[in-house]
Amino acid sequence: MHITTPPMGWNSWNTFGENPDESLIMEIADAMVEKGYKEAGYEYVVIDDCWALKERDGNGKLVPDPQKFPHGMKYVADYVHSKGLKFGMYSCAGTLTCAGYPASYEHEFDDAASFAEWGVDYLKVDFCFKPEHDRADLLYKRMGLALANCGRDIVYSACNWGKDDAKMWMRETGAHLWRTGGDISDVWQSIEGIFEKNLDKVPYNSPVCYNDMDMLIVGMNGEGAQSLGGCTLDEYKTHFAVWCMFQSPLMIGCDIRKIDDDSLAILKNKDI
């Protein structure tokens, strides 16, 4: 599978943190179409961490939390697809996800099969709880092989925070994009720091494997799980322009159901 432009879409983590659920994802899919995001090029609706039960089932399979996703993930994926959009989910290369849920370590092929069965189009793979004796590159290669053999085209987002000199080996894993650093926060200092840390990584960016500077904070305005006070309008404009200039994937992190007009205009600025 080959992608020719950096992925664009929406991710649940920045605003909703540990509280994604079925109704939220369906409402976000509705808003993606109704507010013109889909027309502007945003196509992925991605559920981040905390969607599963804390234990696998008797067959070692991941189980969606029935309180959050009562109809299961295939139902949610089908709804997202019915809007002409694509559906994304989250796992981790370590033994647990960052929030302590089951991850894909030594379950890569089983989990890839589950994601394919559910209709997943995009998978973010985080880096928490990695066993010290395992090489990061081999873990991400293992998931890359699993996804390549799962029977479905799935965009592979490797979120290893740029650790273990990832810029030197990430393309070999099959990843379509890779996180170049730590998590973004809704404050100018975070934007500035990410910009500076990506300057030396520009030569490693290509359509084979895009440098991912992390999700967008435009429109959060001091609200949500990753907020540290918010930014000014000019700071949000600069943030968006830099991400575009660096050819980073553009994954919206705010609540697009109630976004203000100024932030909406930034995110839909086709010239940028």
C-alpha atoms as a PDB file:
ATOM      1  CA  MET A   1       0.000   0.000   0.000  1.00  0.00           C
ATOM      2  CA  HIS A   2       1.262   3.476  -0.911  1.00  0.00           C
ATOM      3  CA  ILE A   3      -0.181   6.855   0.058  1.00  0.00           C
ATOM      4  CA  THR A   4       0.700   9.982  -1.924  1.00  0.00           C
ATOM      5  CA  THR A   5      -0.256  12.765   0.515  1.00  0.00           C
ATOM      6  CA  PRO A   6      -0.035  13.090   4.315  1.00  0.00           C
ATOM      7  CA  PRO A   7      -3.192  11.722   5.981  1.00  0.00           C
ATOM      8  CA  MET A   8      -5.817  14.239   7.102  1.00  0.00           C
ATOM      9  CA  GLY A   9      -8.593  13.602   9.606  1.00  0.00           C
ATOM     10  CA  TRP A  10      -9.635  13.786  13.262  1.00  0.00           C
ATOM     11  CA  ASN A  11      -8.431  12.006  16.417  1.00  0.00           C
ATOM     12  CA  SER A  12     -10.255  11.701  19.744  1.00  0.00           C
ATOM     13  CA  TRP A  13      -7.337  12.066  22.181  1.00  0.00           C
ATOM     14  CA  ASN A  14      -6.568  15.793  22.436  1.00  0.00           C
ATOM     15  CA  THR A  15     -10.057  16.757  23.569  1.00  0.00           C
ATOM     16  CA  PHE A  16     -11.739  13.589  24.816  1.00  0.00           C
ATOM     17  CA  GLY A  17      -8.800  11.645  26.264  1.00  0.00           C
ATOM     18  CA  GLU A  18      -9.994   8.482  27.989  1.00  0.00           C
ATOM     19  CA  ASN A  19     -13.643   8.979  27.025  1.00  0.00           C
ATOM     20  CA  PRO A  20     -14.267   8.012  23.399  1.00  0.00           C
ATOM     21  CA  ASP A  21     -17.622   6.381  22.711  1.00  0.00           C
ATOM     22  CA  GLU A  22     -19.920   5.318  19.915  1.00  0.00           C
ATOM     23  CA  SER A  23     -22.190   8.354  19.864  1.00  0.00           C
ATOM     24  CA  LEU A  24     -19.226  10.751  19.859  1.00  0.00           C
ATOM     25  CA  ILE A  25     -17.574   9.070  16.881  1.00  0.00           C
ATOM     26  CA  MET A  26     -20.819   9.015  14.904  1.00  0.00           C
ATOM     27  CA  GLU A  27     -21.492  12.674  15.661  1.00  0.00           C
ATOM     28  CA  ILE A  28     -17.939  13.571  14.642  1.00  0.00           C
ATOM     29  CA  ALA A  29     -18.449  11.724  11.347  1.00  0.00           C
ATOM     30  CA  ASP A  30     -21.643  13.725  10.787  1.00  0.00           C
ATOM     31  CA  ALA A  31     -19.811  16.994  11.508  1.00  0.00           C
ATOM     32  CA  MET A  32     -16.934  16.071   9.187  1.00  0.00           C
ATOM     33  CA  VAL A  33     -19.407  16.067   6.306  1.00  0.00           C
ATOM     34  CA  GLU A  34     -21.823  18.807   7.399  1.00  0.00           C
ATOM     35  CA  LYS A  35     -19.125  21.393   8.198  1.00  0.00           C
ATOM     36  CA  GLY A  36     -17.109  20.798   5.035  1.00  0.00           C
ATOM     37  CA  TYR A  37     -14.089  18.994   6.475  1.00  0.00           C
ATOM     38  CA  LYS A  38     -14.516  16.045   4.127  1.00  0.00           C
ATOM     39  CA  GLU A  39     -14.670  18.380   1.141  1.00  0.00           C
ATOM     40  CA  ALA A  40     -11.468  20.068   2.364  1.00  0.00           C
ATOM     41  CA  GLY A  41      -9.622  16.730   2.397  1.00  0.00           C
ATOM     42  CA  TYR A  42     -10.050  15.451   5.962  1.00  0.00           C
ATOM     43  CA  GLU A  43     -11.138  11.813   5.699  1.00  0.00           C
ATOM     44  CA  TYR A  44     -10.045   9.746   8.731  1.00  0.00           C
ATOM     45  CA  VAL A  45     -12.051   9.517  11.971  1.00  0.00           C
ATOM     46  CA  VAL A  46      -9.688   7.940  14.504  1.00  0.00           C
ATOM     47  CA  ILE A  47     -10.464   6.524  17.958  1.00  0.00           C
ATOM     48  CA  ASP A  48      -7.408   6.810  20.217  1.00  0.00           C
ATOM     49  CA  ASP A  49      -6.705   4.939  23.499  1.00  0.00           C
ATOM     50  CA  CYS A  50      -9.262   3.580  26.012  1.00  0.00           C
ATOM     51  CA  TRP A  51     -11.739   1.933  23.655  1.00  0.00           C
ATOM     52  CA  ALA A  52     -11.260  -1.657  24.867  1.00  0.00           C
ATOM     53  CA  LEU A  53     -11.926  -3.738  27.940  1.00  0.00           C
ATOM     54  CA  LYS A  54      -8.965  -4.208  30.281  1.00  0.00           C
ATOM     55  CA  GLU A  55      -8.738  -7.914  29.424  1.00  0.00           C
ATOM     56  CA  ARG A  56      -8.710  -9.887  26.174  1.00  0.00           C
ATOM     57  CA  ASP A  57     -11.341 -12.578  25.648  1.00  0.00           C
ATOM     58  CA  GLY A  58     -10.758 -16.335  26.043  1.00  0.00           C
ATOM     59  CA  ASN A  59      -9.350 -16.532  22.517  1.00  0.00           C
ATOM     60  CA  GLY A  60      -6.872 -13.727  23.110  1.00  0.00           C
ATOM     61  CA  LYS A  61      -8.864 -11.207  21.082  1.00  0.00           C
ATOM     62  CA  LEU A  62      -9.287  -7.519  21.869  1.00  0.00           C
ATOM     63  CA  VAL A  63     -12.797  -6.650  23.080  1.00  0.00           C
ATOM     64  CA  PRO A  64     -14.410  -3.226  22.594  1.00  0.00           C
ATOM     65  CA  ASP A  65     -15.836  -1.818  25.842  1.00  0.00           C
ATOM     66  CA  PRO A  66     -19.588  -2.587  25.615  1.00  0.00           C
ATOM     67  CA  GLN A  67     -20.440   0.494  27.687  1.00  0.00           C
ATOM     68  CA  LYS A  68     -18.628   2.805  25.257  1.00  0.00           C
ATOM     69  CA  PHE A  69     -19.272   0.852  22.050  1.00  0.00           C
ATOM     70  CA  PRO A  70     -22.439  -1.201  22.621  1.00  0.00           C
ATOM     71  CA  HIS A  71     -22.817  -2.181  18.963  1.00  0.00           C
ATOM     72  CA  GLY A  72     -19.146  -3.077  18.444  1.00  0.00           C
ATOM     73  CA  MET A  73     -16.495  -1.581  16.199  1.00  0.00           C
ATOM     74  CA  LYS A  74     -17.781  -2.957  12.884  1.00  0.00           C
ATOM     75  CA  TYR A  75     -21.001  -1.006  13.463  1.00  0.00           C
ATOM     76  CA  VAL A  76     -19.075   2.229  14.061  1.00  0.00           C
ATOM     77  CA  ALA A  77     -16.807   1.607  11.065  1.00  0.00           C
ATOM     78  CA  ASP A  78     -19.811   0.983   8.830  1.00  0.00           C
ATOM     79  CA  TYR A  79     -21.369   4.260   9.951  1.00  0.00           C
ATOM     80  CA  VAL A  80     -18.164   6.191   9.271  1.00  0.00           C
ATOM     81  CA  HIS A  81     -17.865   4.542   5.862  1.00  0.00           C
ATOM     82  CA  SER A  82     -21.494   5.411   5.063  1.00  0.00           C
ATOM     83  CA  LYS A  83     -20.469   9.070   5.277  1.00  0.00           C
ATOM     84  CA  GLY A  84     -17.746   8.553   2.681  1.00  0.00           C
ATOM     85  CA  LEU A  85     -15.059   8.712   5.384  1.00  0.00           C
ATOM     86  CA  LYS A  86     -12.432   6.272   6.693  1.00  0.00           C
ATOM     87  CA  PHE A  87     -12.197   4.713  10.144  1.00  0.00           C
ATOM     88  CA  GLY A  88      -9.154   4.606  12.413  1.00  0.00           C
ATOM     89  CA  MET A  89      -8.215   2.943  15.697  1.00  0.00           C
ATOM     90  CA  TYR A  90      -5.379   2.736  18.212  1.00  0.00           C
ATOM     91  CA  SER A  91      -3.025   0.148  19.688  1.00  0.00           C
ATOM     92  CA  CYS A  92       0.482   0.070  21.142  1.00  0.00           C
ATOM     93  CA  ALA A  93       3.750  -1.748  20.447  1.00  0.00           C
ATOM     94  CA  GLY A  94       4.296  -2.485  24.147  1.00  0.00           C
ATOM     95  CA  THR A  95       2.600  -4.826  26.603  1.00  0.00           C
ATOM     96  CA  LEU A  96      -0.051  -2.229  27.515  1.00  0.00           C
ATOM     97  CA  THR A  97      -1.374   0.938  25.920  1.00  0.00           C
ATOM     98  CA  CYS A  98      -0.384   4.254  27.481  1.00  0.00           C
ATOM     99  CA  ALA A  99      -3.578   4.230  29.545  1.00  0.00           C
ATOM    100  CA  GLY A 100      -3.107   0.622  30.665  1.00  0.00           C
ATOM    101  CA  TYR A 101      -5.314  -1.284  28.224  1.00  0.00           C
ATOM    102  CA  PRO A 102      -4.307  -4.438  26.297  1.00  0.00           C
ATOM    103  CA  ALA A 103      -1.737  -3.685  23.576  1.00  0.00           C
ATOM    104  CA  SER A 104      -0.435  -5.598  20.580  1.00  0.00           C
ATOM    105  CA  TYR A 105       2.912  -6.893  21.884  1.00  0.00           C
ATOM    106  CA  GLU A 106       3.114 -10.550  20.741  1.00  0.00           C
ATOM    107  CA  HIS A 107      -0.485 -10.224  19.495  1.00  0.00           C
ATOM    108  CA  GLU A 108       0.326  -8.304  16.308  1.00  0.00           C
ATOM    109  CA  PHE A 109      -1.135 -10.778  13.812  1.00  0.00           C
ATOM    110  CA  ASP A 110      -4.267 -11.494  15.851  1.00  0.00           C
ATOM    111  CA  ASP A 111      -4.928  -7.797  16.365  1.00  0.00           C
ATOM    112  CA  ALA A 112      -4.307  -6.925  12.720  1.00  0.00           C
ATOM    113  CA  ALA A 113      -6.859  -9.585  11.780  1.00  0.00           C
ATOM    114  CA  SER A 114      -9.387  -8.072  14.206  1.00  0.00           C
ATOM    115  CA  PHE A 115      -8.822  -4.567  12.864  1.00  0.00           C
ATOM    116  CA  ALA A 116      -9.282  -5.805   9.303  1.00  0.00           C
ATOM    117  CA  GLU A 117     -12.465  -7.666  10.271  1.00  0.00           C
ATOM    118  CA  TRP A 118     -13.875  -4.514  11.870  1.00  0.00           C
ATOM    119  CA  GLY A 119     -13.214  -2.406   8.774  1.00  0.00           C
ATOM    120  CA  VAL A 120     -10.332  -0.305  10.093  1.00  0.00           C
ATOM    121  CA  ASP A 121      -8.556   1.915   7.537  1.00  0.00           C
ATOM    122  CA  TYR A 122      -5.929   3.559   9.809  1.00  0.00           C
ATOM    123  CA  LEU A 123      -4.052   2.262  12.834  1.00  0.00           C
ATOM    124  CA  LYS A 124      -2.032   4.342  15.294  1.00  0.00           C
ATOM    125  CA  VAL A 125       0.527   2.239  17.190  1.00  0.00           C
ATOM    126  CA  ASP A 126       1.915   3.910  20.331  1.00  0.00           C
ATOM    127  CA  PHE A 127       5.129   3.161  22.270  1.00  0.00           C
ATOM    128  CA  CYS A 128       4.287   2.761  25.970  1.00  0.00           C
ATOM    129  CA  PHE A 129       5.359  -0.220  28.110  1.00  0.00           C
ATOM    130  CA  LYS A 130       7.932  -1.524  25.621  1.00  0.00           C
ATOM    131  CA  PRO A 131       9.912  -4.395  27.150  1.00  0.00           C
ATOM    132  CA  GLU A 132      13.525  -3.297  27.610  1.00  0.00           C
ATOM    133  CA  HIS A 133      14.953  -6.391  25.951  1.00  0.00           C
ATOM    134  CA  ASP A 134      13.051  -5.841  22.677  1.00  0.00           C
ATOM    135  CA  ARG A 135      14.278  -3.625  19.854  1.00  0.00           C
ATOM    136  CA  ALA A 136      11.833  -0.909  18.840  1.00  0.00           C
ATOM    137  CA  ASP A 137      12.509  -1.366  15.138  1.00  0.00           C
ATOM    138  CA  LEU A 138      11.642  -5.076  15.302  1.00  0.00           C
ATOM    139  CA  LEU A 139       8.385  -4.426  17.146  1.00  0.00           C
ATOM    140  CA  TYR A 140       7.254  -1.916  14.544  1.00  0.00           C
ATOM    141  CA  LYS A 141       8.403  -4.180  11.714  1.00  0.00           C
ATOM    142  CA  ARG A 142       6.371  -7.008  13.245  1.00  0.00           C
ATOM    143  CA  MET A 143       3.201  -4.921  13.234  1.00  0.00           C
ATOM    144  CA  GLY A 144       4.032  -3.744   9.722  1.00  0.00           C
ATOM    145  CA  LEU A 145       4.177  -7.353   8.559  1.00  0.00           C
ATOM    146  CA  ALA A 146       0.919  -8.155  10.345  1.00  0.00           C
ATOM    147  CA  LEU A 147      -0.893  -5.258   8.684  1.00  0.00           C
ATOM    148  CA  ALA A 148       0.577  -6.082   5.279  1.00  0.00           C
ATOM    149  CA  ASN A 149      -0.843  -9.600   5.584  1.00  0.00           C
ATOM    150  CA  CYS A 150      -4.225  -8.872   7.199  1.00  0.00           C
ATOM    151  CA  GLY A 151      -6.153  -8.740   3.930  1.00  0.00           C
ATOM    152  CA  ARG A 152      -7.091  -5.054   4.159  1.00  0.00           C
ATOM    153  CA  ASP A 153      -5.331  -1.823   3.239  1.00  0.00           C
ATOM    154  CA  ILE A 154      -4.642  -0.054   6.549  1.00  0.00           C
ATOM    155  CA  VAL A 155      -2.628   3.146   6.917  1.00  0.00           C
ATOM    156  CA  TYR A 156       0.075   2.457   9.505  1.00  0.00           C
ATOM    157  CA  SER A 157       0.802   5.322  11.904  1.00  0.00           C
ATOM    158  CA  ALA A 158       3.869   4.510  14.029  1.00  0.00           C
ATOM    159  CA  CYS A 159       3.826   6.659  17.166  1.00  0.00           C
ATOM    160  CA  ASN A 160       7.187   5.892  18.785  1.00  0.00           C
ATOM    161  CA  TRP A 161       7.933   9.573  19.643  1.00  0.00           C
ATOM    162  CA  GLY A 162      11.156   9.521  17.603  1.00  0.00           C
ATOM    163  CA  LYS A 163      12.863   7.272  20.161  1.00  0.00           C
ATOM    164  CA  ASP A 164      15.754   4.910  19.421  1.00  0.00           C
ATOM    165  CA  ASP A 165      16.890   6.987  16.422  1.00  0.00           C
ATOM    166  CA  ALA A 166      13.680   6.087  14.592  1.00  0.00           C
ATOM    167  CA  LYS A 167      14.398   8.380  11.657  1.00  0.00           C
ATOM    168  CA  MET A 168      17.079   5.921  10.526  1.00  0.00           C
ATOM    169  CA  TRP A 169      14.885   2.819  10.363  1.00  0.00           C
ATOM    170  CA  MET A 170      11.204   3.765  10.402  1.00  0.00           C
ATOM    171  CA  ARG A 171      10.694   3.493   6.624  1.00  0.00           C
ATOM    172  CA  GLU A 172      11.761  -0.160   6.806  1.00  0.00           C
ATOM    173  CA  THR A 173       8.830  -1.017   9.095  1.00  0.00           C
ATOM    174  CA  GLY A 174       6.141  -0.347   6.492  1.00  0.00           C
ATOM    175  CA  ALA A 175       4.826   2.656   8.420  1.00  0.00           C
ATOM    176  CA  HIS A 176       3.190   5.364   6.321  1.00  0.00           C
ATOM    177  CA  LEU A 177       3.813   8.042   8.960  1.00  0.00           C
ATOM    178  CA  TRP A 178       5.835   8.247  12.155  1.00  0.00           C
ATOM    179  CA  ARG A 179       5.669  10.498  15.178  1.00  0.00           C
ATOM    180  CA  THR A 180       8.852  12.527  15.431  1.00  0.00           C
ATOM    181  CA  GLY A 181       8.527  13.532  19.104  1.00  0.00           C
ATOM    182  CA  GLY A 182       6.371  13.674  22.218  1.00  0.00           C
ATOM    183  CA  ASP A 183       2.742  14.689  22.648  1.00  0.00           C
ATOM    184  CA  ILE A 184       1.526  18.148  21.735  1.00  0.00           C
ATOM    185  CA  SER A 185      -0.309  20.350  24.262  1.00  0.00           C
ATOM    186  CA  ASP A 186      -2.656  23.271  23.699  1.00  0.00           C
ATOM    187  CA  VAL A 187      -0.135  26.001  24.482  1.00  0.00           C
ATOM    188  CA  TRP A 188       2.308  27.981  22.305  1.00  0.00           C
ATOM    189  CA  GLN A 189       5.458  26.644  23.986  1.00  0.00           C
ATOM    190  CA  SER A 190       4.512  23.140  22.839  1.00  0.00           C
ATOM    191  CA  ILE A 191       4.133  24.249  19.222  1.00  0.00           C
ATOM    192  CA  GLU A 192       7.452  26.088  19.339  1.00  0.00           C
ATOM    193  CA  GLY A 193       9.276  23.118  20.832  1.00  0.00           C
ATOM    194  CA  ILE A 194       7.920  20.679  18.238  1.00  0.00           C
ATOM    195  CA  PHE A 195       8.933  23.029  15.426  1.00  0.00           C
ATOM    196  CA  GLU A 196      12.504  23.253  16.705  1.00  0.00           C
ATOM    197  CA  LYS A 197      12.828  19.500  17.216  1.00  0.00           C
ATOM    198  CA  ASN A 198      11.662  18.778  13.655  1.00  0.00           C
ATOM    199  CA  LEU A 199      14.172  20.961  11.858  1.00  0.00           C
ATOM    200  CA  ASP A 200      16.797  18.219  11.650  1.00  0.00           C
ATOM    201  CA  LYS A 201      14.231  15.597  10.616  1.00  0.00           C
ATOM    202  CA  VAL A 202      13.016  17.334   7.450  1.00  0.00           C
ATOM    203  CA  PRO A 203      15.358  15.307   5.168  1.00  0.00           C
ATOM    204  CA  TYR A 204      13.690  12.079   6.344  1.00  0.00           C
ATOM    205  CA  ASN A 205      10.196  13.130   5.244  1.00  0.00           C
ATOM    206  CA  SER A 206       8.814  11.566   2.064  1.00  0.00           C
ATOM    207  CA  PRO A 207       5.637  10.070   0.561  1.00  0.00           C
ATOM    208  CA  VAL A 208       7.004   6.683   1.597  1.00  0.00           C
ATOM    209  CA  CYS A 209       6.804   7.618   5.284  1.00  0.00           C
ATOM    210  CA  TYR A 210       5.670  11.079   6.426  1.00  0.00           C
ATOM    211  CA  ASN A 211       7.056  12.888   9.468  1.00  0.00           C
ATOM    212  CA  ASP A 212       4.150  13.260  11.919  1.00  0.00           C
ATOM    213  CA  MET A 213       4.513  16.299  14.184  1.00  0.00           C
ATOM    214  CA  ASP A 214       1.432  15.193  16.191  1.00  0.00           C
ATOM    215  CA  MET A 215      -2.202  16.196  16.119  1.00  0.00           C
ATOM    216  CA  LEU A 216      -3.480  19.723  15.611  1.00  0.00           C
ATOM    217  CA  ILE A 217      -4.589  21.857  18.553  1.00  0.00           C
ATOM    218  CA  VAL A 218      -6.345  24.485  16.428  1.00  0.00           C
ATOM    219  CA  GLY A 219      -9.809  25.146  17.865  1.00  0.00           C
ATOM    220  CA  MET A 220      -9.240  23.640  21.303  1.00  0.00           C
ATOM    221  CA  ASN A 221      -9.195  27.103  22.878  1.00  0.00           C
ATOM    222  CA  GLY A 222      -8.091  25.906  26.285  1.00  0.00           C
ATOM    223  CA  GLU A 223     -10.519  22.979  26.546  1.00  0.00           C
ATOM    224  CA  GLY A 224      -9.891  19.249  26.506  1.00  0.00           C
ATOM    225  CA  ALA A 225      -7.542  16.543  27.740  1.00  0.00           C
ATOM    226  CA  GLN A 226      -4.366  18.089  26.269  1.00  0.00           C
ATOM    227  CA  SER A 227      -5.050  21.720  27.113  1.00  0.00           C
ATOM    228  CA  LEU A 228      -2.607  23.833  29.092  1.00  0.00           C
ATOM    229  CA  GLY A 229      -4.364  27.154  28.632  1.00  0.00           C
ATOM    230  CA  GLY A 230      -4.868  27.546  24.908  1.00  0.00           C
ATOM    231  CA  CYS A 231      -3.336  29.754  22.217  1.00  0.00           C
ATOM    232  CA  THR A 232      -4.151  33.018  20.506  1.00  0.00           C
ATOM    233  CA  LEU A 233      -5.688  33.056  17.029  1.00  0.00           C
ATOM    234  CA  ASP A 234      -2.363  34.079  15.476  1.00  0.00           C
ATOM    235  CA  GLU A 235      -0.613  31.236  17.314  1.00  0.00           C
ATOM    236  CA  TYR A 236      -3.142  28.734  15.944  1.00  0.00           C
ATOM    237  CA  LYS A 237      -2.643  30.154  12.446  1.00  0.00           C
ATOM    238  CA  THR A 238       1.126  29.805  12.784  1.00  0.00           C
ATOM    239  CA  HIS A 239       0.764  26.268  14.137  1.00  0.00           C
ATOM    240  CA  PHE A 240      -1.349  25.189  11.166  1.00  0.00           C
ATOM    241  CA  ALA A 241       0.932  26.889   8.639  1.00  0.00           C
ATOM    242  CA  VAL A 242       4.061  25.237  10.071  1.00  0.00           C
ATOM    243  CA  TRP A 243       2.461  21.778  10.040  1.00  0.00           C
ATOM    244  CA  CYS A 244       1.502  22.290   6.393  1.00  0.00           C
ATOM    245  CA  MET A 245       4.923  23.691   5.481  1.00  0.00           C
ATOM    246  CA  PHE A 246       6.592  20.622   7.006  1.00  0.00           C
ATOM    247  CA  GLN A 247       4.161  18.283   5.200  1.00  0.00           C
ATOM    248  CA  SER A 248       2.961  16.800   8.463  1.00  0.00           C
ATOM    249  CA  PRO A 249      -0.250  14.780   8.579  1.00  0.00           C
ATOM    250  CA  LEU A 250      -3.154  17.000   9.672  1.00  0.00           C
ATOM    251  CA  MET A 251      -5.218  15.266  12.361  1.00  0.00           C
ATOM    252  CA  ILE A 252      -7.669  17.643  14.035  1.00  0.00           C
ATOM    253  CA  GLY A 253      -7.865  17.352  17.824  1.00  0.00           C
ATOM    254  CA  CYS A 254     -10.634  19.777  18.799  1.00  0.00           C
ATOM    255  CA  ASP A 255     -14.376  19.152  19.150  1.00  0.00           C
ATOM    256  CA  ILE A 256     -15.419  19.929  15.576  1.00  0.00           C
ATOM    257  CA  ARG A 257     -19.104  19.770  16.533  1.00  0.00           C
ATOM    258  CA  LYS A 258     -18.827  23.153  18.277  1.00  0.00           C
ATOM    259  CA  ILE A 259     -15.775  24.766  16.682  1.00  0.00           C
ATOM    260  CA  ASP A 260     -15.641  28.570  16.388  1.00  0.00           C
ATOM    261  CA  ASP A 261     -15.696  30.211  12.950  1.00  0.00           C
ATOM    262  CA  ASP A 262     -12.107  31.493  13.119  1.00  0.00           C
ATOM    263  CA  SER A 263     -10.700  28.030  13.877  1.00  0.00           C
ATOM    264  CA  LEU A 264     -12.869  26.444  11.189  1.00  0.00           C
ATOM    265  CA  ALA A 265     -11.474  28.913   8.655  1.00  0.00           C
ATOM    266  CA  ILE A 266      -7.906  27.990   9.625  1.00  0.00           C
ATOM    267  CA  LEU A 267      -8.490  24.249   9.268  1.00  0.00           C
ATOM    268  CA  LYS A 268     -10.230  24.664   5.896  1.00  0.00           C
ATOM    269  CA  ASN A 269      -7.696  27.088   4.408  1.00  0.00           C
ATOM    270  CA  LYS A 270      -7.025  25.358   1.093  1.00  0.00           C
ATOM    271  CA  ASP A 271      -4.319  27.826   0.057  1.00  0.00           C
ATOM    272  CA  ILE A 272      -2.217  26.797   3.066  1.00  0.00           C
END
